[in-house]
Amino acid sequence: VLVVGVTGSLAALGDTLFPATSLGAAFTQEFSR
């Protein structure tokens, strides 16, 4: 559960630093090199 929390904080940091404009753009970001 601690690992879940840590990965969640990193995901939140990614959302803060690299905000997406749409759901489609968010998925595109995840698969873009």
PDB file of all heavy atoms in Angstrom:
ATOM      1  N   VAL A   1       0.837  -1.201   0.000  1.00  0.00           N
ATOM      2  CA  VAL A   1       0.000   0.000   0.000  1.00  0.00           C
ATOM      3  C   VAL A   1       0.874   1.254   0.000  1.00  0.00           C
ATOM      4  O   VAL A   1       0.540   2.265  -0.623  1.00  0.00           O
ATOM      5  CB  VAL A   1      -0.953  -0.009   1.214  1.00  0.00           C
ATOM      6  CG1 VAL A   1      -1.744   1.295   1.289  1.00  0.00           C
ATOM      7  CG2 VAL A   1      -1.907  -1.194   1.123  1.00  0.00           C
ATOM      8  N   LEU A   2       2.013   1.196   0.678  1.00  0.00           N
ATOM      9  CA  LEU A   2       2.951   2.323   0.658  1.00  0.00           C
ATOM     10  C   LEU A   2       3.438   2.573  -0.770  1.00  0.00           C
ATOM     11  O   LEU A   2       3.549   3.720  -1.214  1.00  0.00           O
ATOM     12  CB  LEU A   2       4.120   2.049   1.596  1.00  0.00           C
ATOM     13  CG  LEU A   2       5.096   3.207   1.854  1.00  0.00           C
ATOM     14  CD1 LEU A   2       5.676   3.090   3.265  1.00  0.00           C
ATOM     15  CD2 LEU A   2       6.245   3.219   0.863  1.00  0.00           C
ATOM     16  N   VAL A   3       3.734   1.490  -1.508  1.00  0.00           N
ATOM     17  CA  VAL A   3       4.161   1.630  -2.906  1.00  0.00           C
ATOM     18  C   VAL A   3       3.048   2.250  -3.747  1.00  0.00           C
ATOM     19  O   VAL A   3       3.308   3.077  -4.637  1.00  0.00           O
ATOM     20  CB  VAL A   3       4.585   0.263  -3.485  1.00  0.00           C
ATOM     21  CG1 VAL A   3       4.879   0.369  -4.982  1.00  0.00           C
ATOM     22  CG2 VAL A   3       5.808  -0.268  -2.747  1.00  0.00           C
ATOM     23  N   VAL A   4       1.802   1.878  -3.456  1.00  0.00           N
ATOM     24  CA  VAL A   4       0.668   2.491  -4.159  1.00  0.00           C
ATOM     25  C   VAL A   4       0.664   4.001  -3.931  1.00  0.00           C
ATOM     26  O   VAL A   4       0.476   4.791  -4.862  1.00  0.00           O
ATOM     27  CB  VAL A   4      -0.669   1.881  -3.690  1.00  0.00           C
ATOM     28  CG1 VAL A   4      -1.846   2.650  -4.298  1.00  0.00           C
ATOM     29  CG2 VAL A   4      -0.756   0.417  -4.076  1.00  0.00           C
ATOM     30  N   GLY A   5       0.900   4.407  -2.685  1.00  0.00           N
ATOM     31  CA  GLY A   5       0.928   5.836  -2.379  1.00  0.00           C
ATOM     32  C   GLY A   5       2.053   6.560  -3.086  1.00  0.00           C
ATOM     33  O   GLY A   5       1.871   7.663  -3.618  1.00  0.00           O
ATOM     34  N   VAL A   6       3.239   5.944  -3.131  1.00  0.00           N
ATOM     35  CA  VAL A   6       4.388   6.576  -3.780  1.00  0.00           C
ATOM     36  C   VAL A   6       4.152   6.710  -5.281  1.00  0.00           C
ATOM     37  O   VAL A   6       4.403   7.775  -5.862  1.00  0.00           O
ATOM     38  CB  VAL A   6       5.672   5.771  -3.505  1.00  0.00           C
ATOM     39  CG1 VAL A   6       6.820   6.280  -4.366  1.00  0.00           C
ATOM     40  CG2 VAL A   6       6.043   5.864  -2.030  1.00  0.00           C
ATOM     41  N   THR A   7       3.657   5.655  -5.925  1.00  0.00           N
ATOM     42  CA  THR A   7       3.383   5.753  -7.360  1.00  0.00           C
ATOM     43  C   THR A   7       2.279   6.777  -7.643  1.00  0.00           C
ATOM     44  O   THR A   7       2.295   7.452  -8.670  1.00  0.00           O
ATOM     45  CB  THR A   7       2.978   4.390  -7.941  1.00  0.00           C
ATOM     46  OG1 THR A   7       1.847   3.870  -7.220  1.00  0.00           O
ATOM     47  CG2 THR A   7       4.122   3.399  -7.853  1.00  0.00           C
ATOM     48  N   GLY A   8       1.336   6.902  -6.693  1.00  0.00           N
ATOM     49  CA  GLY A   8       0.290   7.914  -6.863  1.00  0.00           C
ATOM     50  C   GLY A   8       0.841   9.324  -6.803  1.00  0.00           C
ATOM     51  O   GLY A   8       0.425  10.205  -7.561  1.00  0.00           O
ATOM     52  N   SER A   9       1.818   9.550  -5.908  1.00  0.00           N
ATOM     53  CA  SER A   9       2.429  10.884  -5.816  1.00  0.00           C
ATOM     54  C   SER A   9       3.207  11.216  -7.082  1.00  0.00           C
ATOM     55  O   SER A   9       3.200  12.367  -7.543  1.00  0.00           O
ATOM     56  CB  SER A   9       3.348  10.958  -4.593  1.00  0.00           C
ATOM     57  OG  SER A   9       4.508  10.149  -4.776  1.00  0.00           O
ATOM     58  N   LEU A  10       3.854  10.220  -7.670  1.00  0.00           N
ATOM     59  CA  LEU A  10       4.601  10.454  -8.906  1.00  0.00           C
ATOM     60  C   LEU A  10       3.647  10.729 -10.076  1.00  0.00           C
ATOM     61  O   LEU A  10       3.932  11.566 -10.935  1.00  0.00           O
ATOM     62  CB  LEU A  10       5.491   9.251  -9.222  1.00  0.00           C
ATOM     63  CG  LEU A  10       6.605   8.967  -8.206  1.00  0.00           C
ATOM     64  CD1 LEU A  10       7.400   7.742  -8.618  1.00  0.00           C
ATOM     65  CD2 LEU A  10       7.528  10.176  -8.068  1.00  0.00           C
ATOM     66  N   ALA A  11       2.509  10.013 -10.078  1.00  0.00           N
ATOM     67  CA  ALA A  11       1.508  10.271 -11.112  1.00  0.00           C
ATOM     68  C   ALA A  11       0.949  11.685 -10.985  1.00  0.00           C
ATOM     69  O   ALA A  11       0.745  12.391 -11.988  1.00  0.00           O
ATOM     70  CB  ALA A  11       0.390   9.235 -11.022  1.00  0.00           C
ATOM     71  N   ALA A  12       0.713  12.113  -9.734  1.00  0.00           N
ATOM     72  CA  ALA A  12       0.207  13.471  -9.511  1.00  0.00           C
ATOM     73  C   ALA A  12       1.226  14.514  -9.930  1.00  0.00           C
ATOM     74  O   ALA A  12       0.870  15.563 -10.488  1.00  0.00           O
ATOM     75  CB  ALA A  12      -0.153  13.646  -8.032  1.00  0.00           C
ATOM     76  N   LEU A  13       2.508  14.235  -9.688  1.00  0.00           N
ATOM     77  CA  LEU A  13       3.559  15.159 -10.124  1.00  0.00           C
ATOM     78  C   LEU A  13       3.582  15.260 -11.643  1.00  0.00           C
ATOM     79  O   LEU A  13       3.731  16.353 -12.201  1.00  0.00           O
ATOM     80  CB  LEU A  13       4.918  14.696  -9.604  1.00  0.00           C
ATOM     81  CG  LEU A  13       6.128  15.546 -10.021  1.00  0.00           C
ATOM     82  CD1 LEU A  13       5.991  16.976  -9.498  1.00  0.00           C
ATOM     83  CD2 LEU A  13       7.426  14.914  -9.518  1.00  0.00           C
ATOM     84  N   GLY A  14       3.421  14.121 -12.310  1.00  0.00           N
ATOM     85  CA  GLY A  14       3.370  14.137 -13.764  1.00  0.00           C
ATOM     86  C   GLY A  14       2.194  14.954 -14.289  1.00  0.00           C
ATOM     87  O   GLY A  14       2.319  15.700 -15.264  1.00  0.00           O
ATOM     88  N   ASP A  15       1.034  14.842 -13.616  1.00  0.00           N
ATOM     89  CA  ASP A  15      -0.136  15.633 -14.020  1.00  0.00           C
ATOM     90  C   ASP A  15       0.114  17.127 -13.832  1.00  0.00           C
ATOM     91  O   ASP A  15      -0.385  17.958 -14.599  1.00  0.00           O
ATOM     92  CB  ASP A  15      -1.360  15.210 -13.204  1.00  0.00           C
ATOM     93  CG  ASP A  15      -1.832  13.803 -13.553  1.00  0.00           C
ATOM     94  OD1 ASP A  15      -1.602  13.380 -14.695  1.00  0.00           O
ATOM     95  OD2 ASP A  15      -2.412  13.143 -12.680  1.00  0.00           O
ATOM     96  N   THR A  16       0.880  17.472 -12.781  1.00  0.00           N
ATOM     97  CA  THR A  16       1.169  18.885 -12.509  1.00  0.00           C
ATOM     98  C   THR A  16       2.158  19.461 -13.510  1.00  0.00           C
ATOM     99  O   THR A  16       1.971  20.565 -14.024  1.00  0.00           O
ATOM    100  CB  THR A  16       1.728  19.043 -11.079  1.00  0.00           C
ATOM    101  OG1 THR A  16       0.759  18.581 -10.134  1.00  0.00           O
ATOM    102  CG2 THR A  16       2.050  20.499 -10.789  1.00  0.00           C
ATOM    103  N   LEU A  17       3.209  18.701 -13.807  1.00  0.00           N
ATOM    104  CA  LEU A  17       4.261  19.213 -14.693  1.00  0.00           C
ATOM    105  C   LEU A  17       3.898  19.104 -16.172  1.00  0.00           C
ATOM    106  O   LEU A  17       4.348  19.914 -16.980  1.00  0.00           O
ATOM    107  CB  LEU A  17       5.574  18.446 -14.435  1.00  0.00           C
ATOM    108  CG  LEU A  17       6.193  18.602 -13.053  1.00  0.00           C
ATOM    109  CD1 LEU A  17       7.471  17.781 -12.964  1.00  0.00           C
ATOM    110  CD2 LEU A  17       6.488  20.071 -12.758  1.00  0.00           C
ATOM    111  N   PHE A  18       3.090  18.104 -16.513  1.00  0.00           N
ATOM    112  CA  PHE A  18       2.740  17.881 -17.923  1.00  0.00           C
ATOM    113  C   PHE A  18       1.230  17.742 -18.059  1.00  0.00           C
ATOM    114  O   PHE A  18       0.718  16.668 -18.384  1.00  0.00           O
ATOM    115  CB  PHE A  18       3.436  16.624 -18.457  1.00  0.00           C
ATOM    116  CG  PHE A  18       4.919  16.586 -18.206  1.00  0.00           C
ATOM    117  CD1 PHE A  18       5.446  15.834 -17.162  1.00  0.00           C
ATOM    118  CD2 PHE A  18       5.785  17.316 -19.007  1.00  0.00           C
ATOM    119  CE1 PHE A  18       6.807  15.800 -16.932  1.00  0.00           C
ATOM    120  CE2 PHE A  18       7.149  17.294 -18.778  1.00  0.00           C
ATOM    121  CZ  PHE A  18       7.669  16.534 -17.740  1.00  0.00           C
ATOM    122  N   PRO A  19       0.486  18.818 -17.813  1.00  0.00           N
ATOM    123  CA  PRO A  19      -0.979  18.743 -17.891  1.00  0.00           C
ATOM    124  C   PRO A  19      -1.451  18.478 -19.311  1.00  0.00           C
ATOM    125  O   PRO A  19      -0.861  18.962 -20.279  1.00  0.00           O
ATOM    126  CB  PRO A  19      -1.422  20.127 -17.398  1.00  0.00           C
ATOM    127  CG  PRO A  19      -0.266  21.025 -17.696  1.00  0.00           C
ATOM    128  CD  PRO A  19       0.956  20.192 -17.505  1.00  0.00           C
ATOM    129  N   ALA A  20      -2.508  17.683 -19.428  1.00  0.00           N
ATOM    130  CA  ALA A  20      -3.082  17.375 -20.733  1.00  0.00           C
ATOM    131  C   ALA A  20      -4.325  18.217 -20.960  1.00  0.00           C
ATOM    132  O   ALA A  20      -5.024  18.580 -20.011  1.00  0.00           O
ATOM    133  CB  ALA A  20      -3.425  15.888 -20.817  1.00  0.00           C
ATOM    134  N   THR A  21      -4.613  18.513 -22.217  1.00  0.00           N
ATOM    135  CA  THR A  21      -5.772  19.349 -22.555  1.00  0.00           C
ATOM    136  C   THR A  21      -7.028  18.534 -22.786  1.00  0.00           C
ATOM    137  O   THR A  21      -8.128  19.075 -22.797  1.00  0.00           O
ATOM    138  CB  THR A  21      -5.466  20.183 -23.805  1.00  0.00           C
ATOM    139  OG1 THR A  21      -5.093  19.295 -24.873  1.00  0.00           O
ATOM    140  CG2 THR A  21      -4.322  21.156 -23.535  1.00  0.00           C
ATOM    141  N   SER A  22      -6.865  17.224 -22.986  1.00  0.00           N
ATOM    142  CA  SER A  22      -8.012  16.350 -23.212  1.00  0.00           C
ATOM    143  C   SER A  22      -7.632  14.926 -22.824  1.00  0.00           C
ATOM    144  O   SER A  22      -6.451  14.603 -22.657  1.00  0.00           O
ATOM    145  CB  SER A  22      -8.456  16.388 -24.672  1.00  0.00           C
ATOM    146  OG  SER A  22      -7.456  15.826 -25.514  1.00  0.00           O
ATOM    147  N   LEU A  23      -8.643  14.067 -22.722  1.00  0.00           N
ATOM    148  CA  LEU A  23      -8.384  12.674 -22.363  1.00  0.00           C
ATOM    149  C   LEU A  23      -7.573  11.991 -23.450  1.00  0.00           C
ATOM    150  O   LEU A  23      -6.656  11.210 -23.172  1.00  0.00           O
ATOM    151  CB  LEU A  23      -9.706  11.940 -22.127  1.00  0.00           C
ATOM    152  CG  LEU A  23      -9.609  10.501 -21.608  1.00  0.00           C
ATOM    153  CD1 LEU A  23      -8.895  10.459 -20.265  1.00  0.00           C
ATOM    154  CD2 LEU A  23     -11.006   9.894 -21.496  1.00  0.00           C
ATOM    155  N   GLY A  24      -7.902  12.290 -24.700  1.00  0.00           N
ATOM    156  CA  GLY A  24      -7.143  11.716 -25.810  1.00  0.00           C
ATOM    157  C   GLY A  24      -5.693  12.149 -25.788  1.00  0.00           C
ATOM    158  O   GLY A  24      -4.786  11.345 -26.028  1.00  0.00           O
ATOM    159  N   ALA A  25      -5.474  13.428 -25.487  1.00  0.00           N
ATOM    160  CA  ALA A  25      -4.102  13.928 -25.408  1.00  0.00           C
ATOM    161  C   ALA A  25      -3.339  13.273 -24.269  1.00  0.00           C
ATOM    162  O   ALA A  25      -2.138  13.010 -24.381  1.00  0.00           O
ATOM    163  CB  ALA A  25      -4.116  15.446 -25.239  1.00  0.00           C
ATOM    164  N   ALA A  26      -4.033  12.976 -23.171  1.00  0.00           N
ATOM    165  CA  ALA A  26      -3.379  12.332 -22.035  1.00  0.00           C
ATOM    166  C   ALA A  26      -2.888  10.934 -22.405  1.00  0.00           C
ATOM    167  O   ALA A  26      -1.762  10.543 -22.076  1.00  0.00           O
ATOM    168  CB  ALA A  26      -4.351  12.250 -20.857  1.00  0.00           C
ATOM    169  N   PHE A  27      -3.738  10.164 -23.129  1.00  0.00           N
ATOM    170  CA  PHE A  27      -3.315   8.830 -23.556  1.00  0.00           C
ATOM    171  C   PHE A  27      -2.194   8.912 -24.583  1.00  0.00           C
ATOM    172  O   PHE A  27      -1.286   8.077 -24.603  1.00  0.00           O
ATOM    173  CB  PHE A  27      -4.507   8.059 -24.126  1.00  0.00           C
ATOM    174  CG  PHE A  27      -5.417   7.502 -23.077  1.00  0.00           C
ATOM    175  CD1 PHE A  27      -6.694   8.010 -22.904  1.00  0.00           C
ATOM    176  CD2 PHE A  27      -4.999   6.471 -22.243  1.00  0.00           C
ATOM    177  CE1 PHE A  27      -7.532   7.501 -21.930  1.00  0.00           C
ATOM    178  CE2 PHE A  27      -5.829   5.952 -21.264  1.00  0.00           C
ATOM    179  CZ  PHE A  27      -7.100   6.464 -21.102  1.00  0.00           C
ATOM    180  N   THR A  28      -2.258   9.922 -25.454  1.00  0.00           N
ATOM    181  CA  THR A  28      -1.187  10.097 -26.437  1.00  0.00           C
ATOM    182  C   THR A  28       0.133  10.368 -25.752  1.00  0.00           C
ATOM    183  O   THR A  28       1.185   9.858 -26.151  1.00  0.00           O
ATOM    184  CB  THR A  28      -1.531  11.256 -27.388  1.00  0.00           C
ATOM    185  OG1 THR A  28      -2.766  10.968 -28.062  1.00  0.00           O
ATOM    186  CG2 THR A  28      -0.424  11.458 -28.415  1.00  0.00           C
ATOM    187  N   GLN A  29       0.091  11.184 -24.690  1.00  0.00           N
ATOM    188  CA  GLN A  29       1.304  11.479 -23.922  1.00  0.00           C
ATOM    189  C   GLN A  29       1.928  10.202 -23.367  1.00  0.00           C
ATOM    190  O   GLN A  29       3.148  10.024 -23.408  1.00  0.00           O
ATOM    191  CB  GLN A  29       0.980  12.420 -22.750  1.00  0.00           C
ATOM    192  CG  GLN A  29       0.804  13.879 -23.123  1.00  0.00           C
ATOM    193  CD  GLN A  29       0.510  14.716 -21.887  1.00  0.00           C
ATOM    194  OE1 GLN A  29      -0.121  14.257 -20.933  1.00  0.00           O
ATOM    195  NE2 GLN A  29       0.967  15.950 -21.892  1.00  0.00           N
ATOM    196  N   GLU A  30       1.092   9.314 -22.857  1.00  0.00           N
ATOM    197  CA  GLU A  30       1.607   8.117 -22.195  1.00  0.00           C
ATOM    198  C   GLU A  30       2.320   7.172 -23.162  1.00  0.00           C
ATOM    199  O   GLU A  30       3.186   6.401 -22.748  1.00  0.00           O
ATOM    200  CB  GLU A  30       0.469   7.375 -21.487  1.00  0.00           C
ATOM    201  CG  GLU A  30      -0.098   8.150 -20.300  1.00  0.00           C
ATOM    202  CD  GLU A  30      -1.046   7.316 -19.462  1.00  0.00           C
ATOM    203  OE1 GLU A  30      -1.122   6.085 -19.697  1.00  0.00           O
ATOM    204  OE2 GLU A  30      -1.708   7.870 -18.573  1.00  0.00           O
ATOM    205  N   PHE A  31       1.953   7.221 -24.451  1.00  0.00           N
ATOM    206  CA  PHE A  31       2.548   6.304 -25.420  1.00  0.00           C
ATOM    207  C   PHE A  31       3.520   7.001 -26.368  1.00  0.00           C
ATOM    208  O   PHE A  31       4.007   6.385 -27.316  1.00  0.00           O
ATOM    209  CB  PHE A  31       1.453   5.604 -26.223  1.00  0.00           C
ATOM    210  CG  PHE A  31       0.598   4.694 -25.406  1.00  0.00           C
ATOM    211  CD1 PHE A  31      -0.647   5.113 -24.946  1.00  0.00           C
ATOM    212  CD2 PHE A  31       1.033   3.427 -25.051  1.00  0.00           C
ATOM    213  CE1 PHE A  31      -1.441   4.275 -24.178  1.00  0.00           C
ATOM    214  CE2 PHE A  31       0.244   2.577 -24.288  1.00  0.00           C
ATOM    215  CZ  PHE A  31      -0.992   3.001 -23.842  1.00  0.00           C
ATOM    216  N   SER A  32       3.803   8.267 -26.087  1.00  0.00           N
ATOM    217  CA  SER A  32       4.735   9.017 -26.933  1.00  0.00           C
ATOM    218  C   SER A  32       6.159   8.869 -26.418  1.00  0.00           C
ATOM    219  O   SER A  32       6.415   8.992 -25.223  1.00  0.00           O
ATOM    220  CB  SER A  32       4.346  10.502 -26.965  1.00  0.00           C
ATOM    221  OG  SER A  32       5.317  11.243 -27.673  1.00  0.00           O
ATOM    222  N   ARG A  33       7.100   8.612 -27.340  1.00  0.00           N
ATOM    223  CA  ARG A  33       8.500   8.479 -26.953  1.00  0.00           C
ATOM    224  C   ARG A  33       9.105   9.803 -26.511  1.00  0.00           C
ATOM    225  O   ARG A  33      10.138   9.835 -25.836  1.00  0.00           O
ATOM    226  CB  ARG A  33       9.309   7.913 -28.116  1.00  0.00           C
ATOM    227  CG  ARG A  33       8.967   6.465 -28.470  1.00  0.00           C
ATOM    228  CD  ARG A  33       9.891   5.954 -29.565  1.00  0.00           C
ATOM    229  NE  ARG A  33       9.614   4.547 -29.861  1.00  0.00           N
ATOM    230  CZ  ARG A  33      10.281   3.840 -30.766  1.00  0.00           C
ATOM    231  NH1 ARG A  33      11.265   4.418 -31.469  1.00  0.00           N
ATOM    232  NH2 ARG A  33       9.977   2.579 -30.968  1.00  0.00           N
TER     233      ARG A  33
END
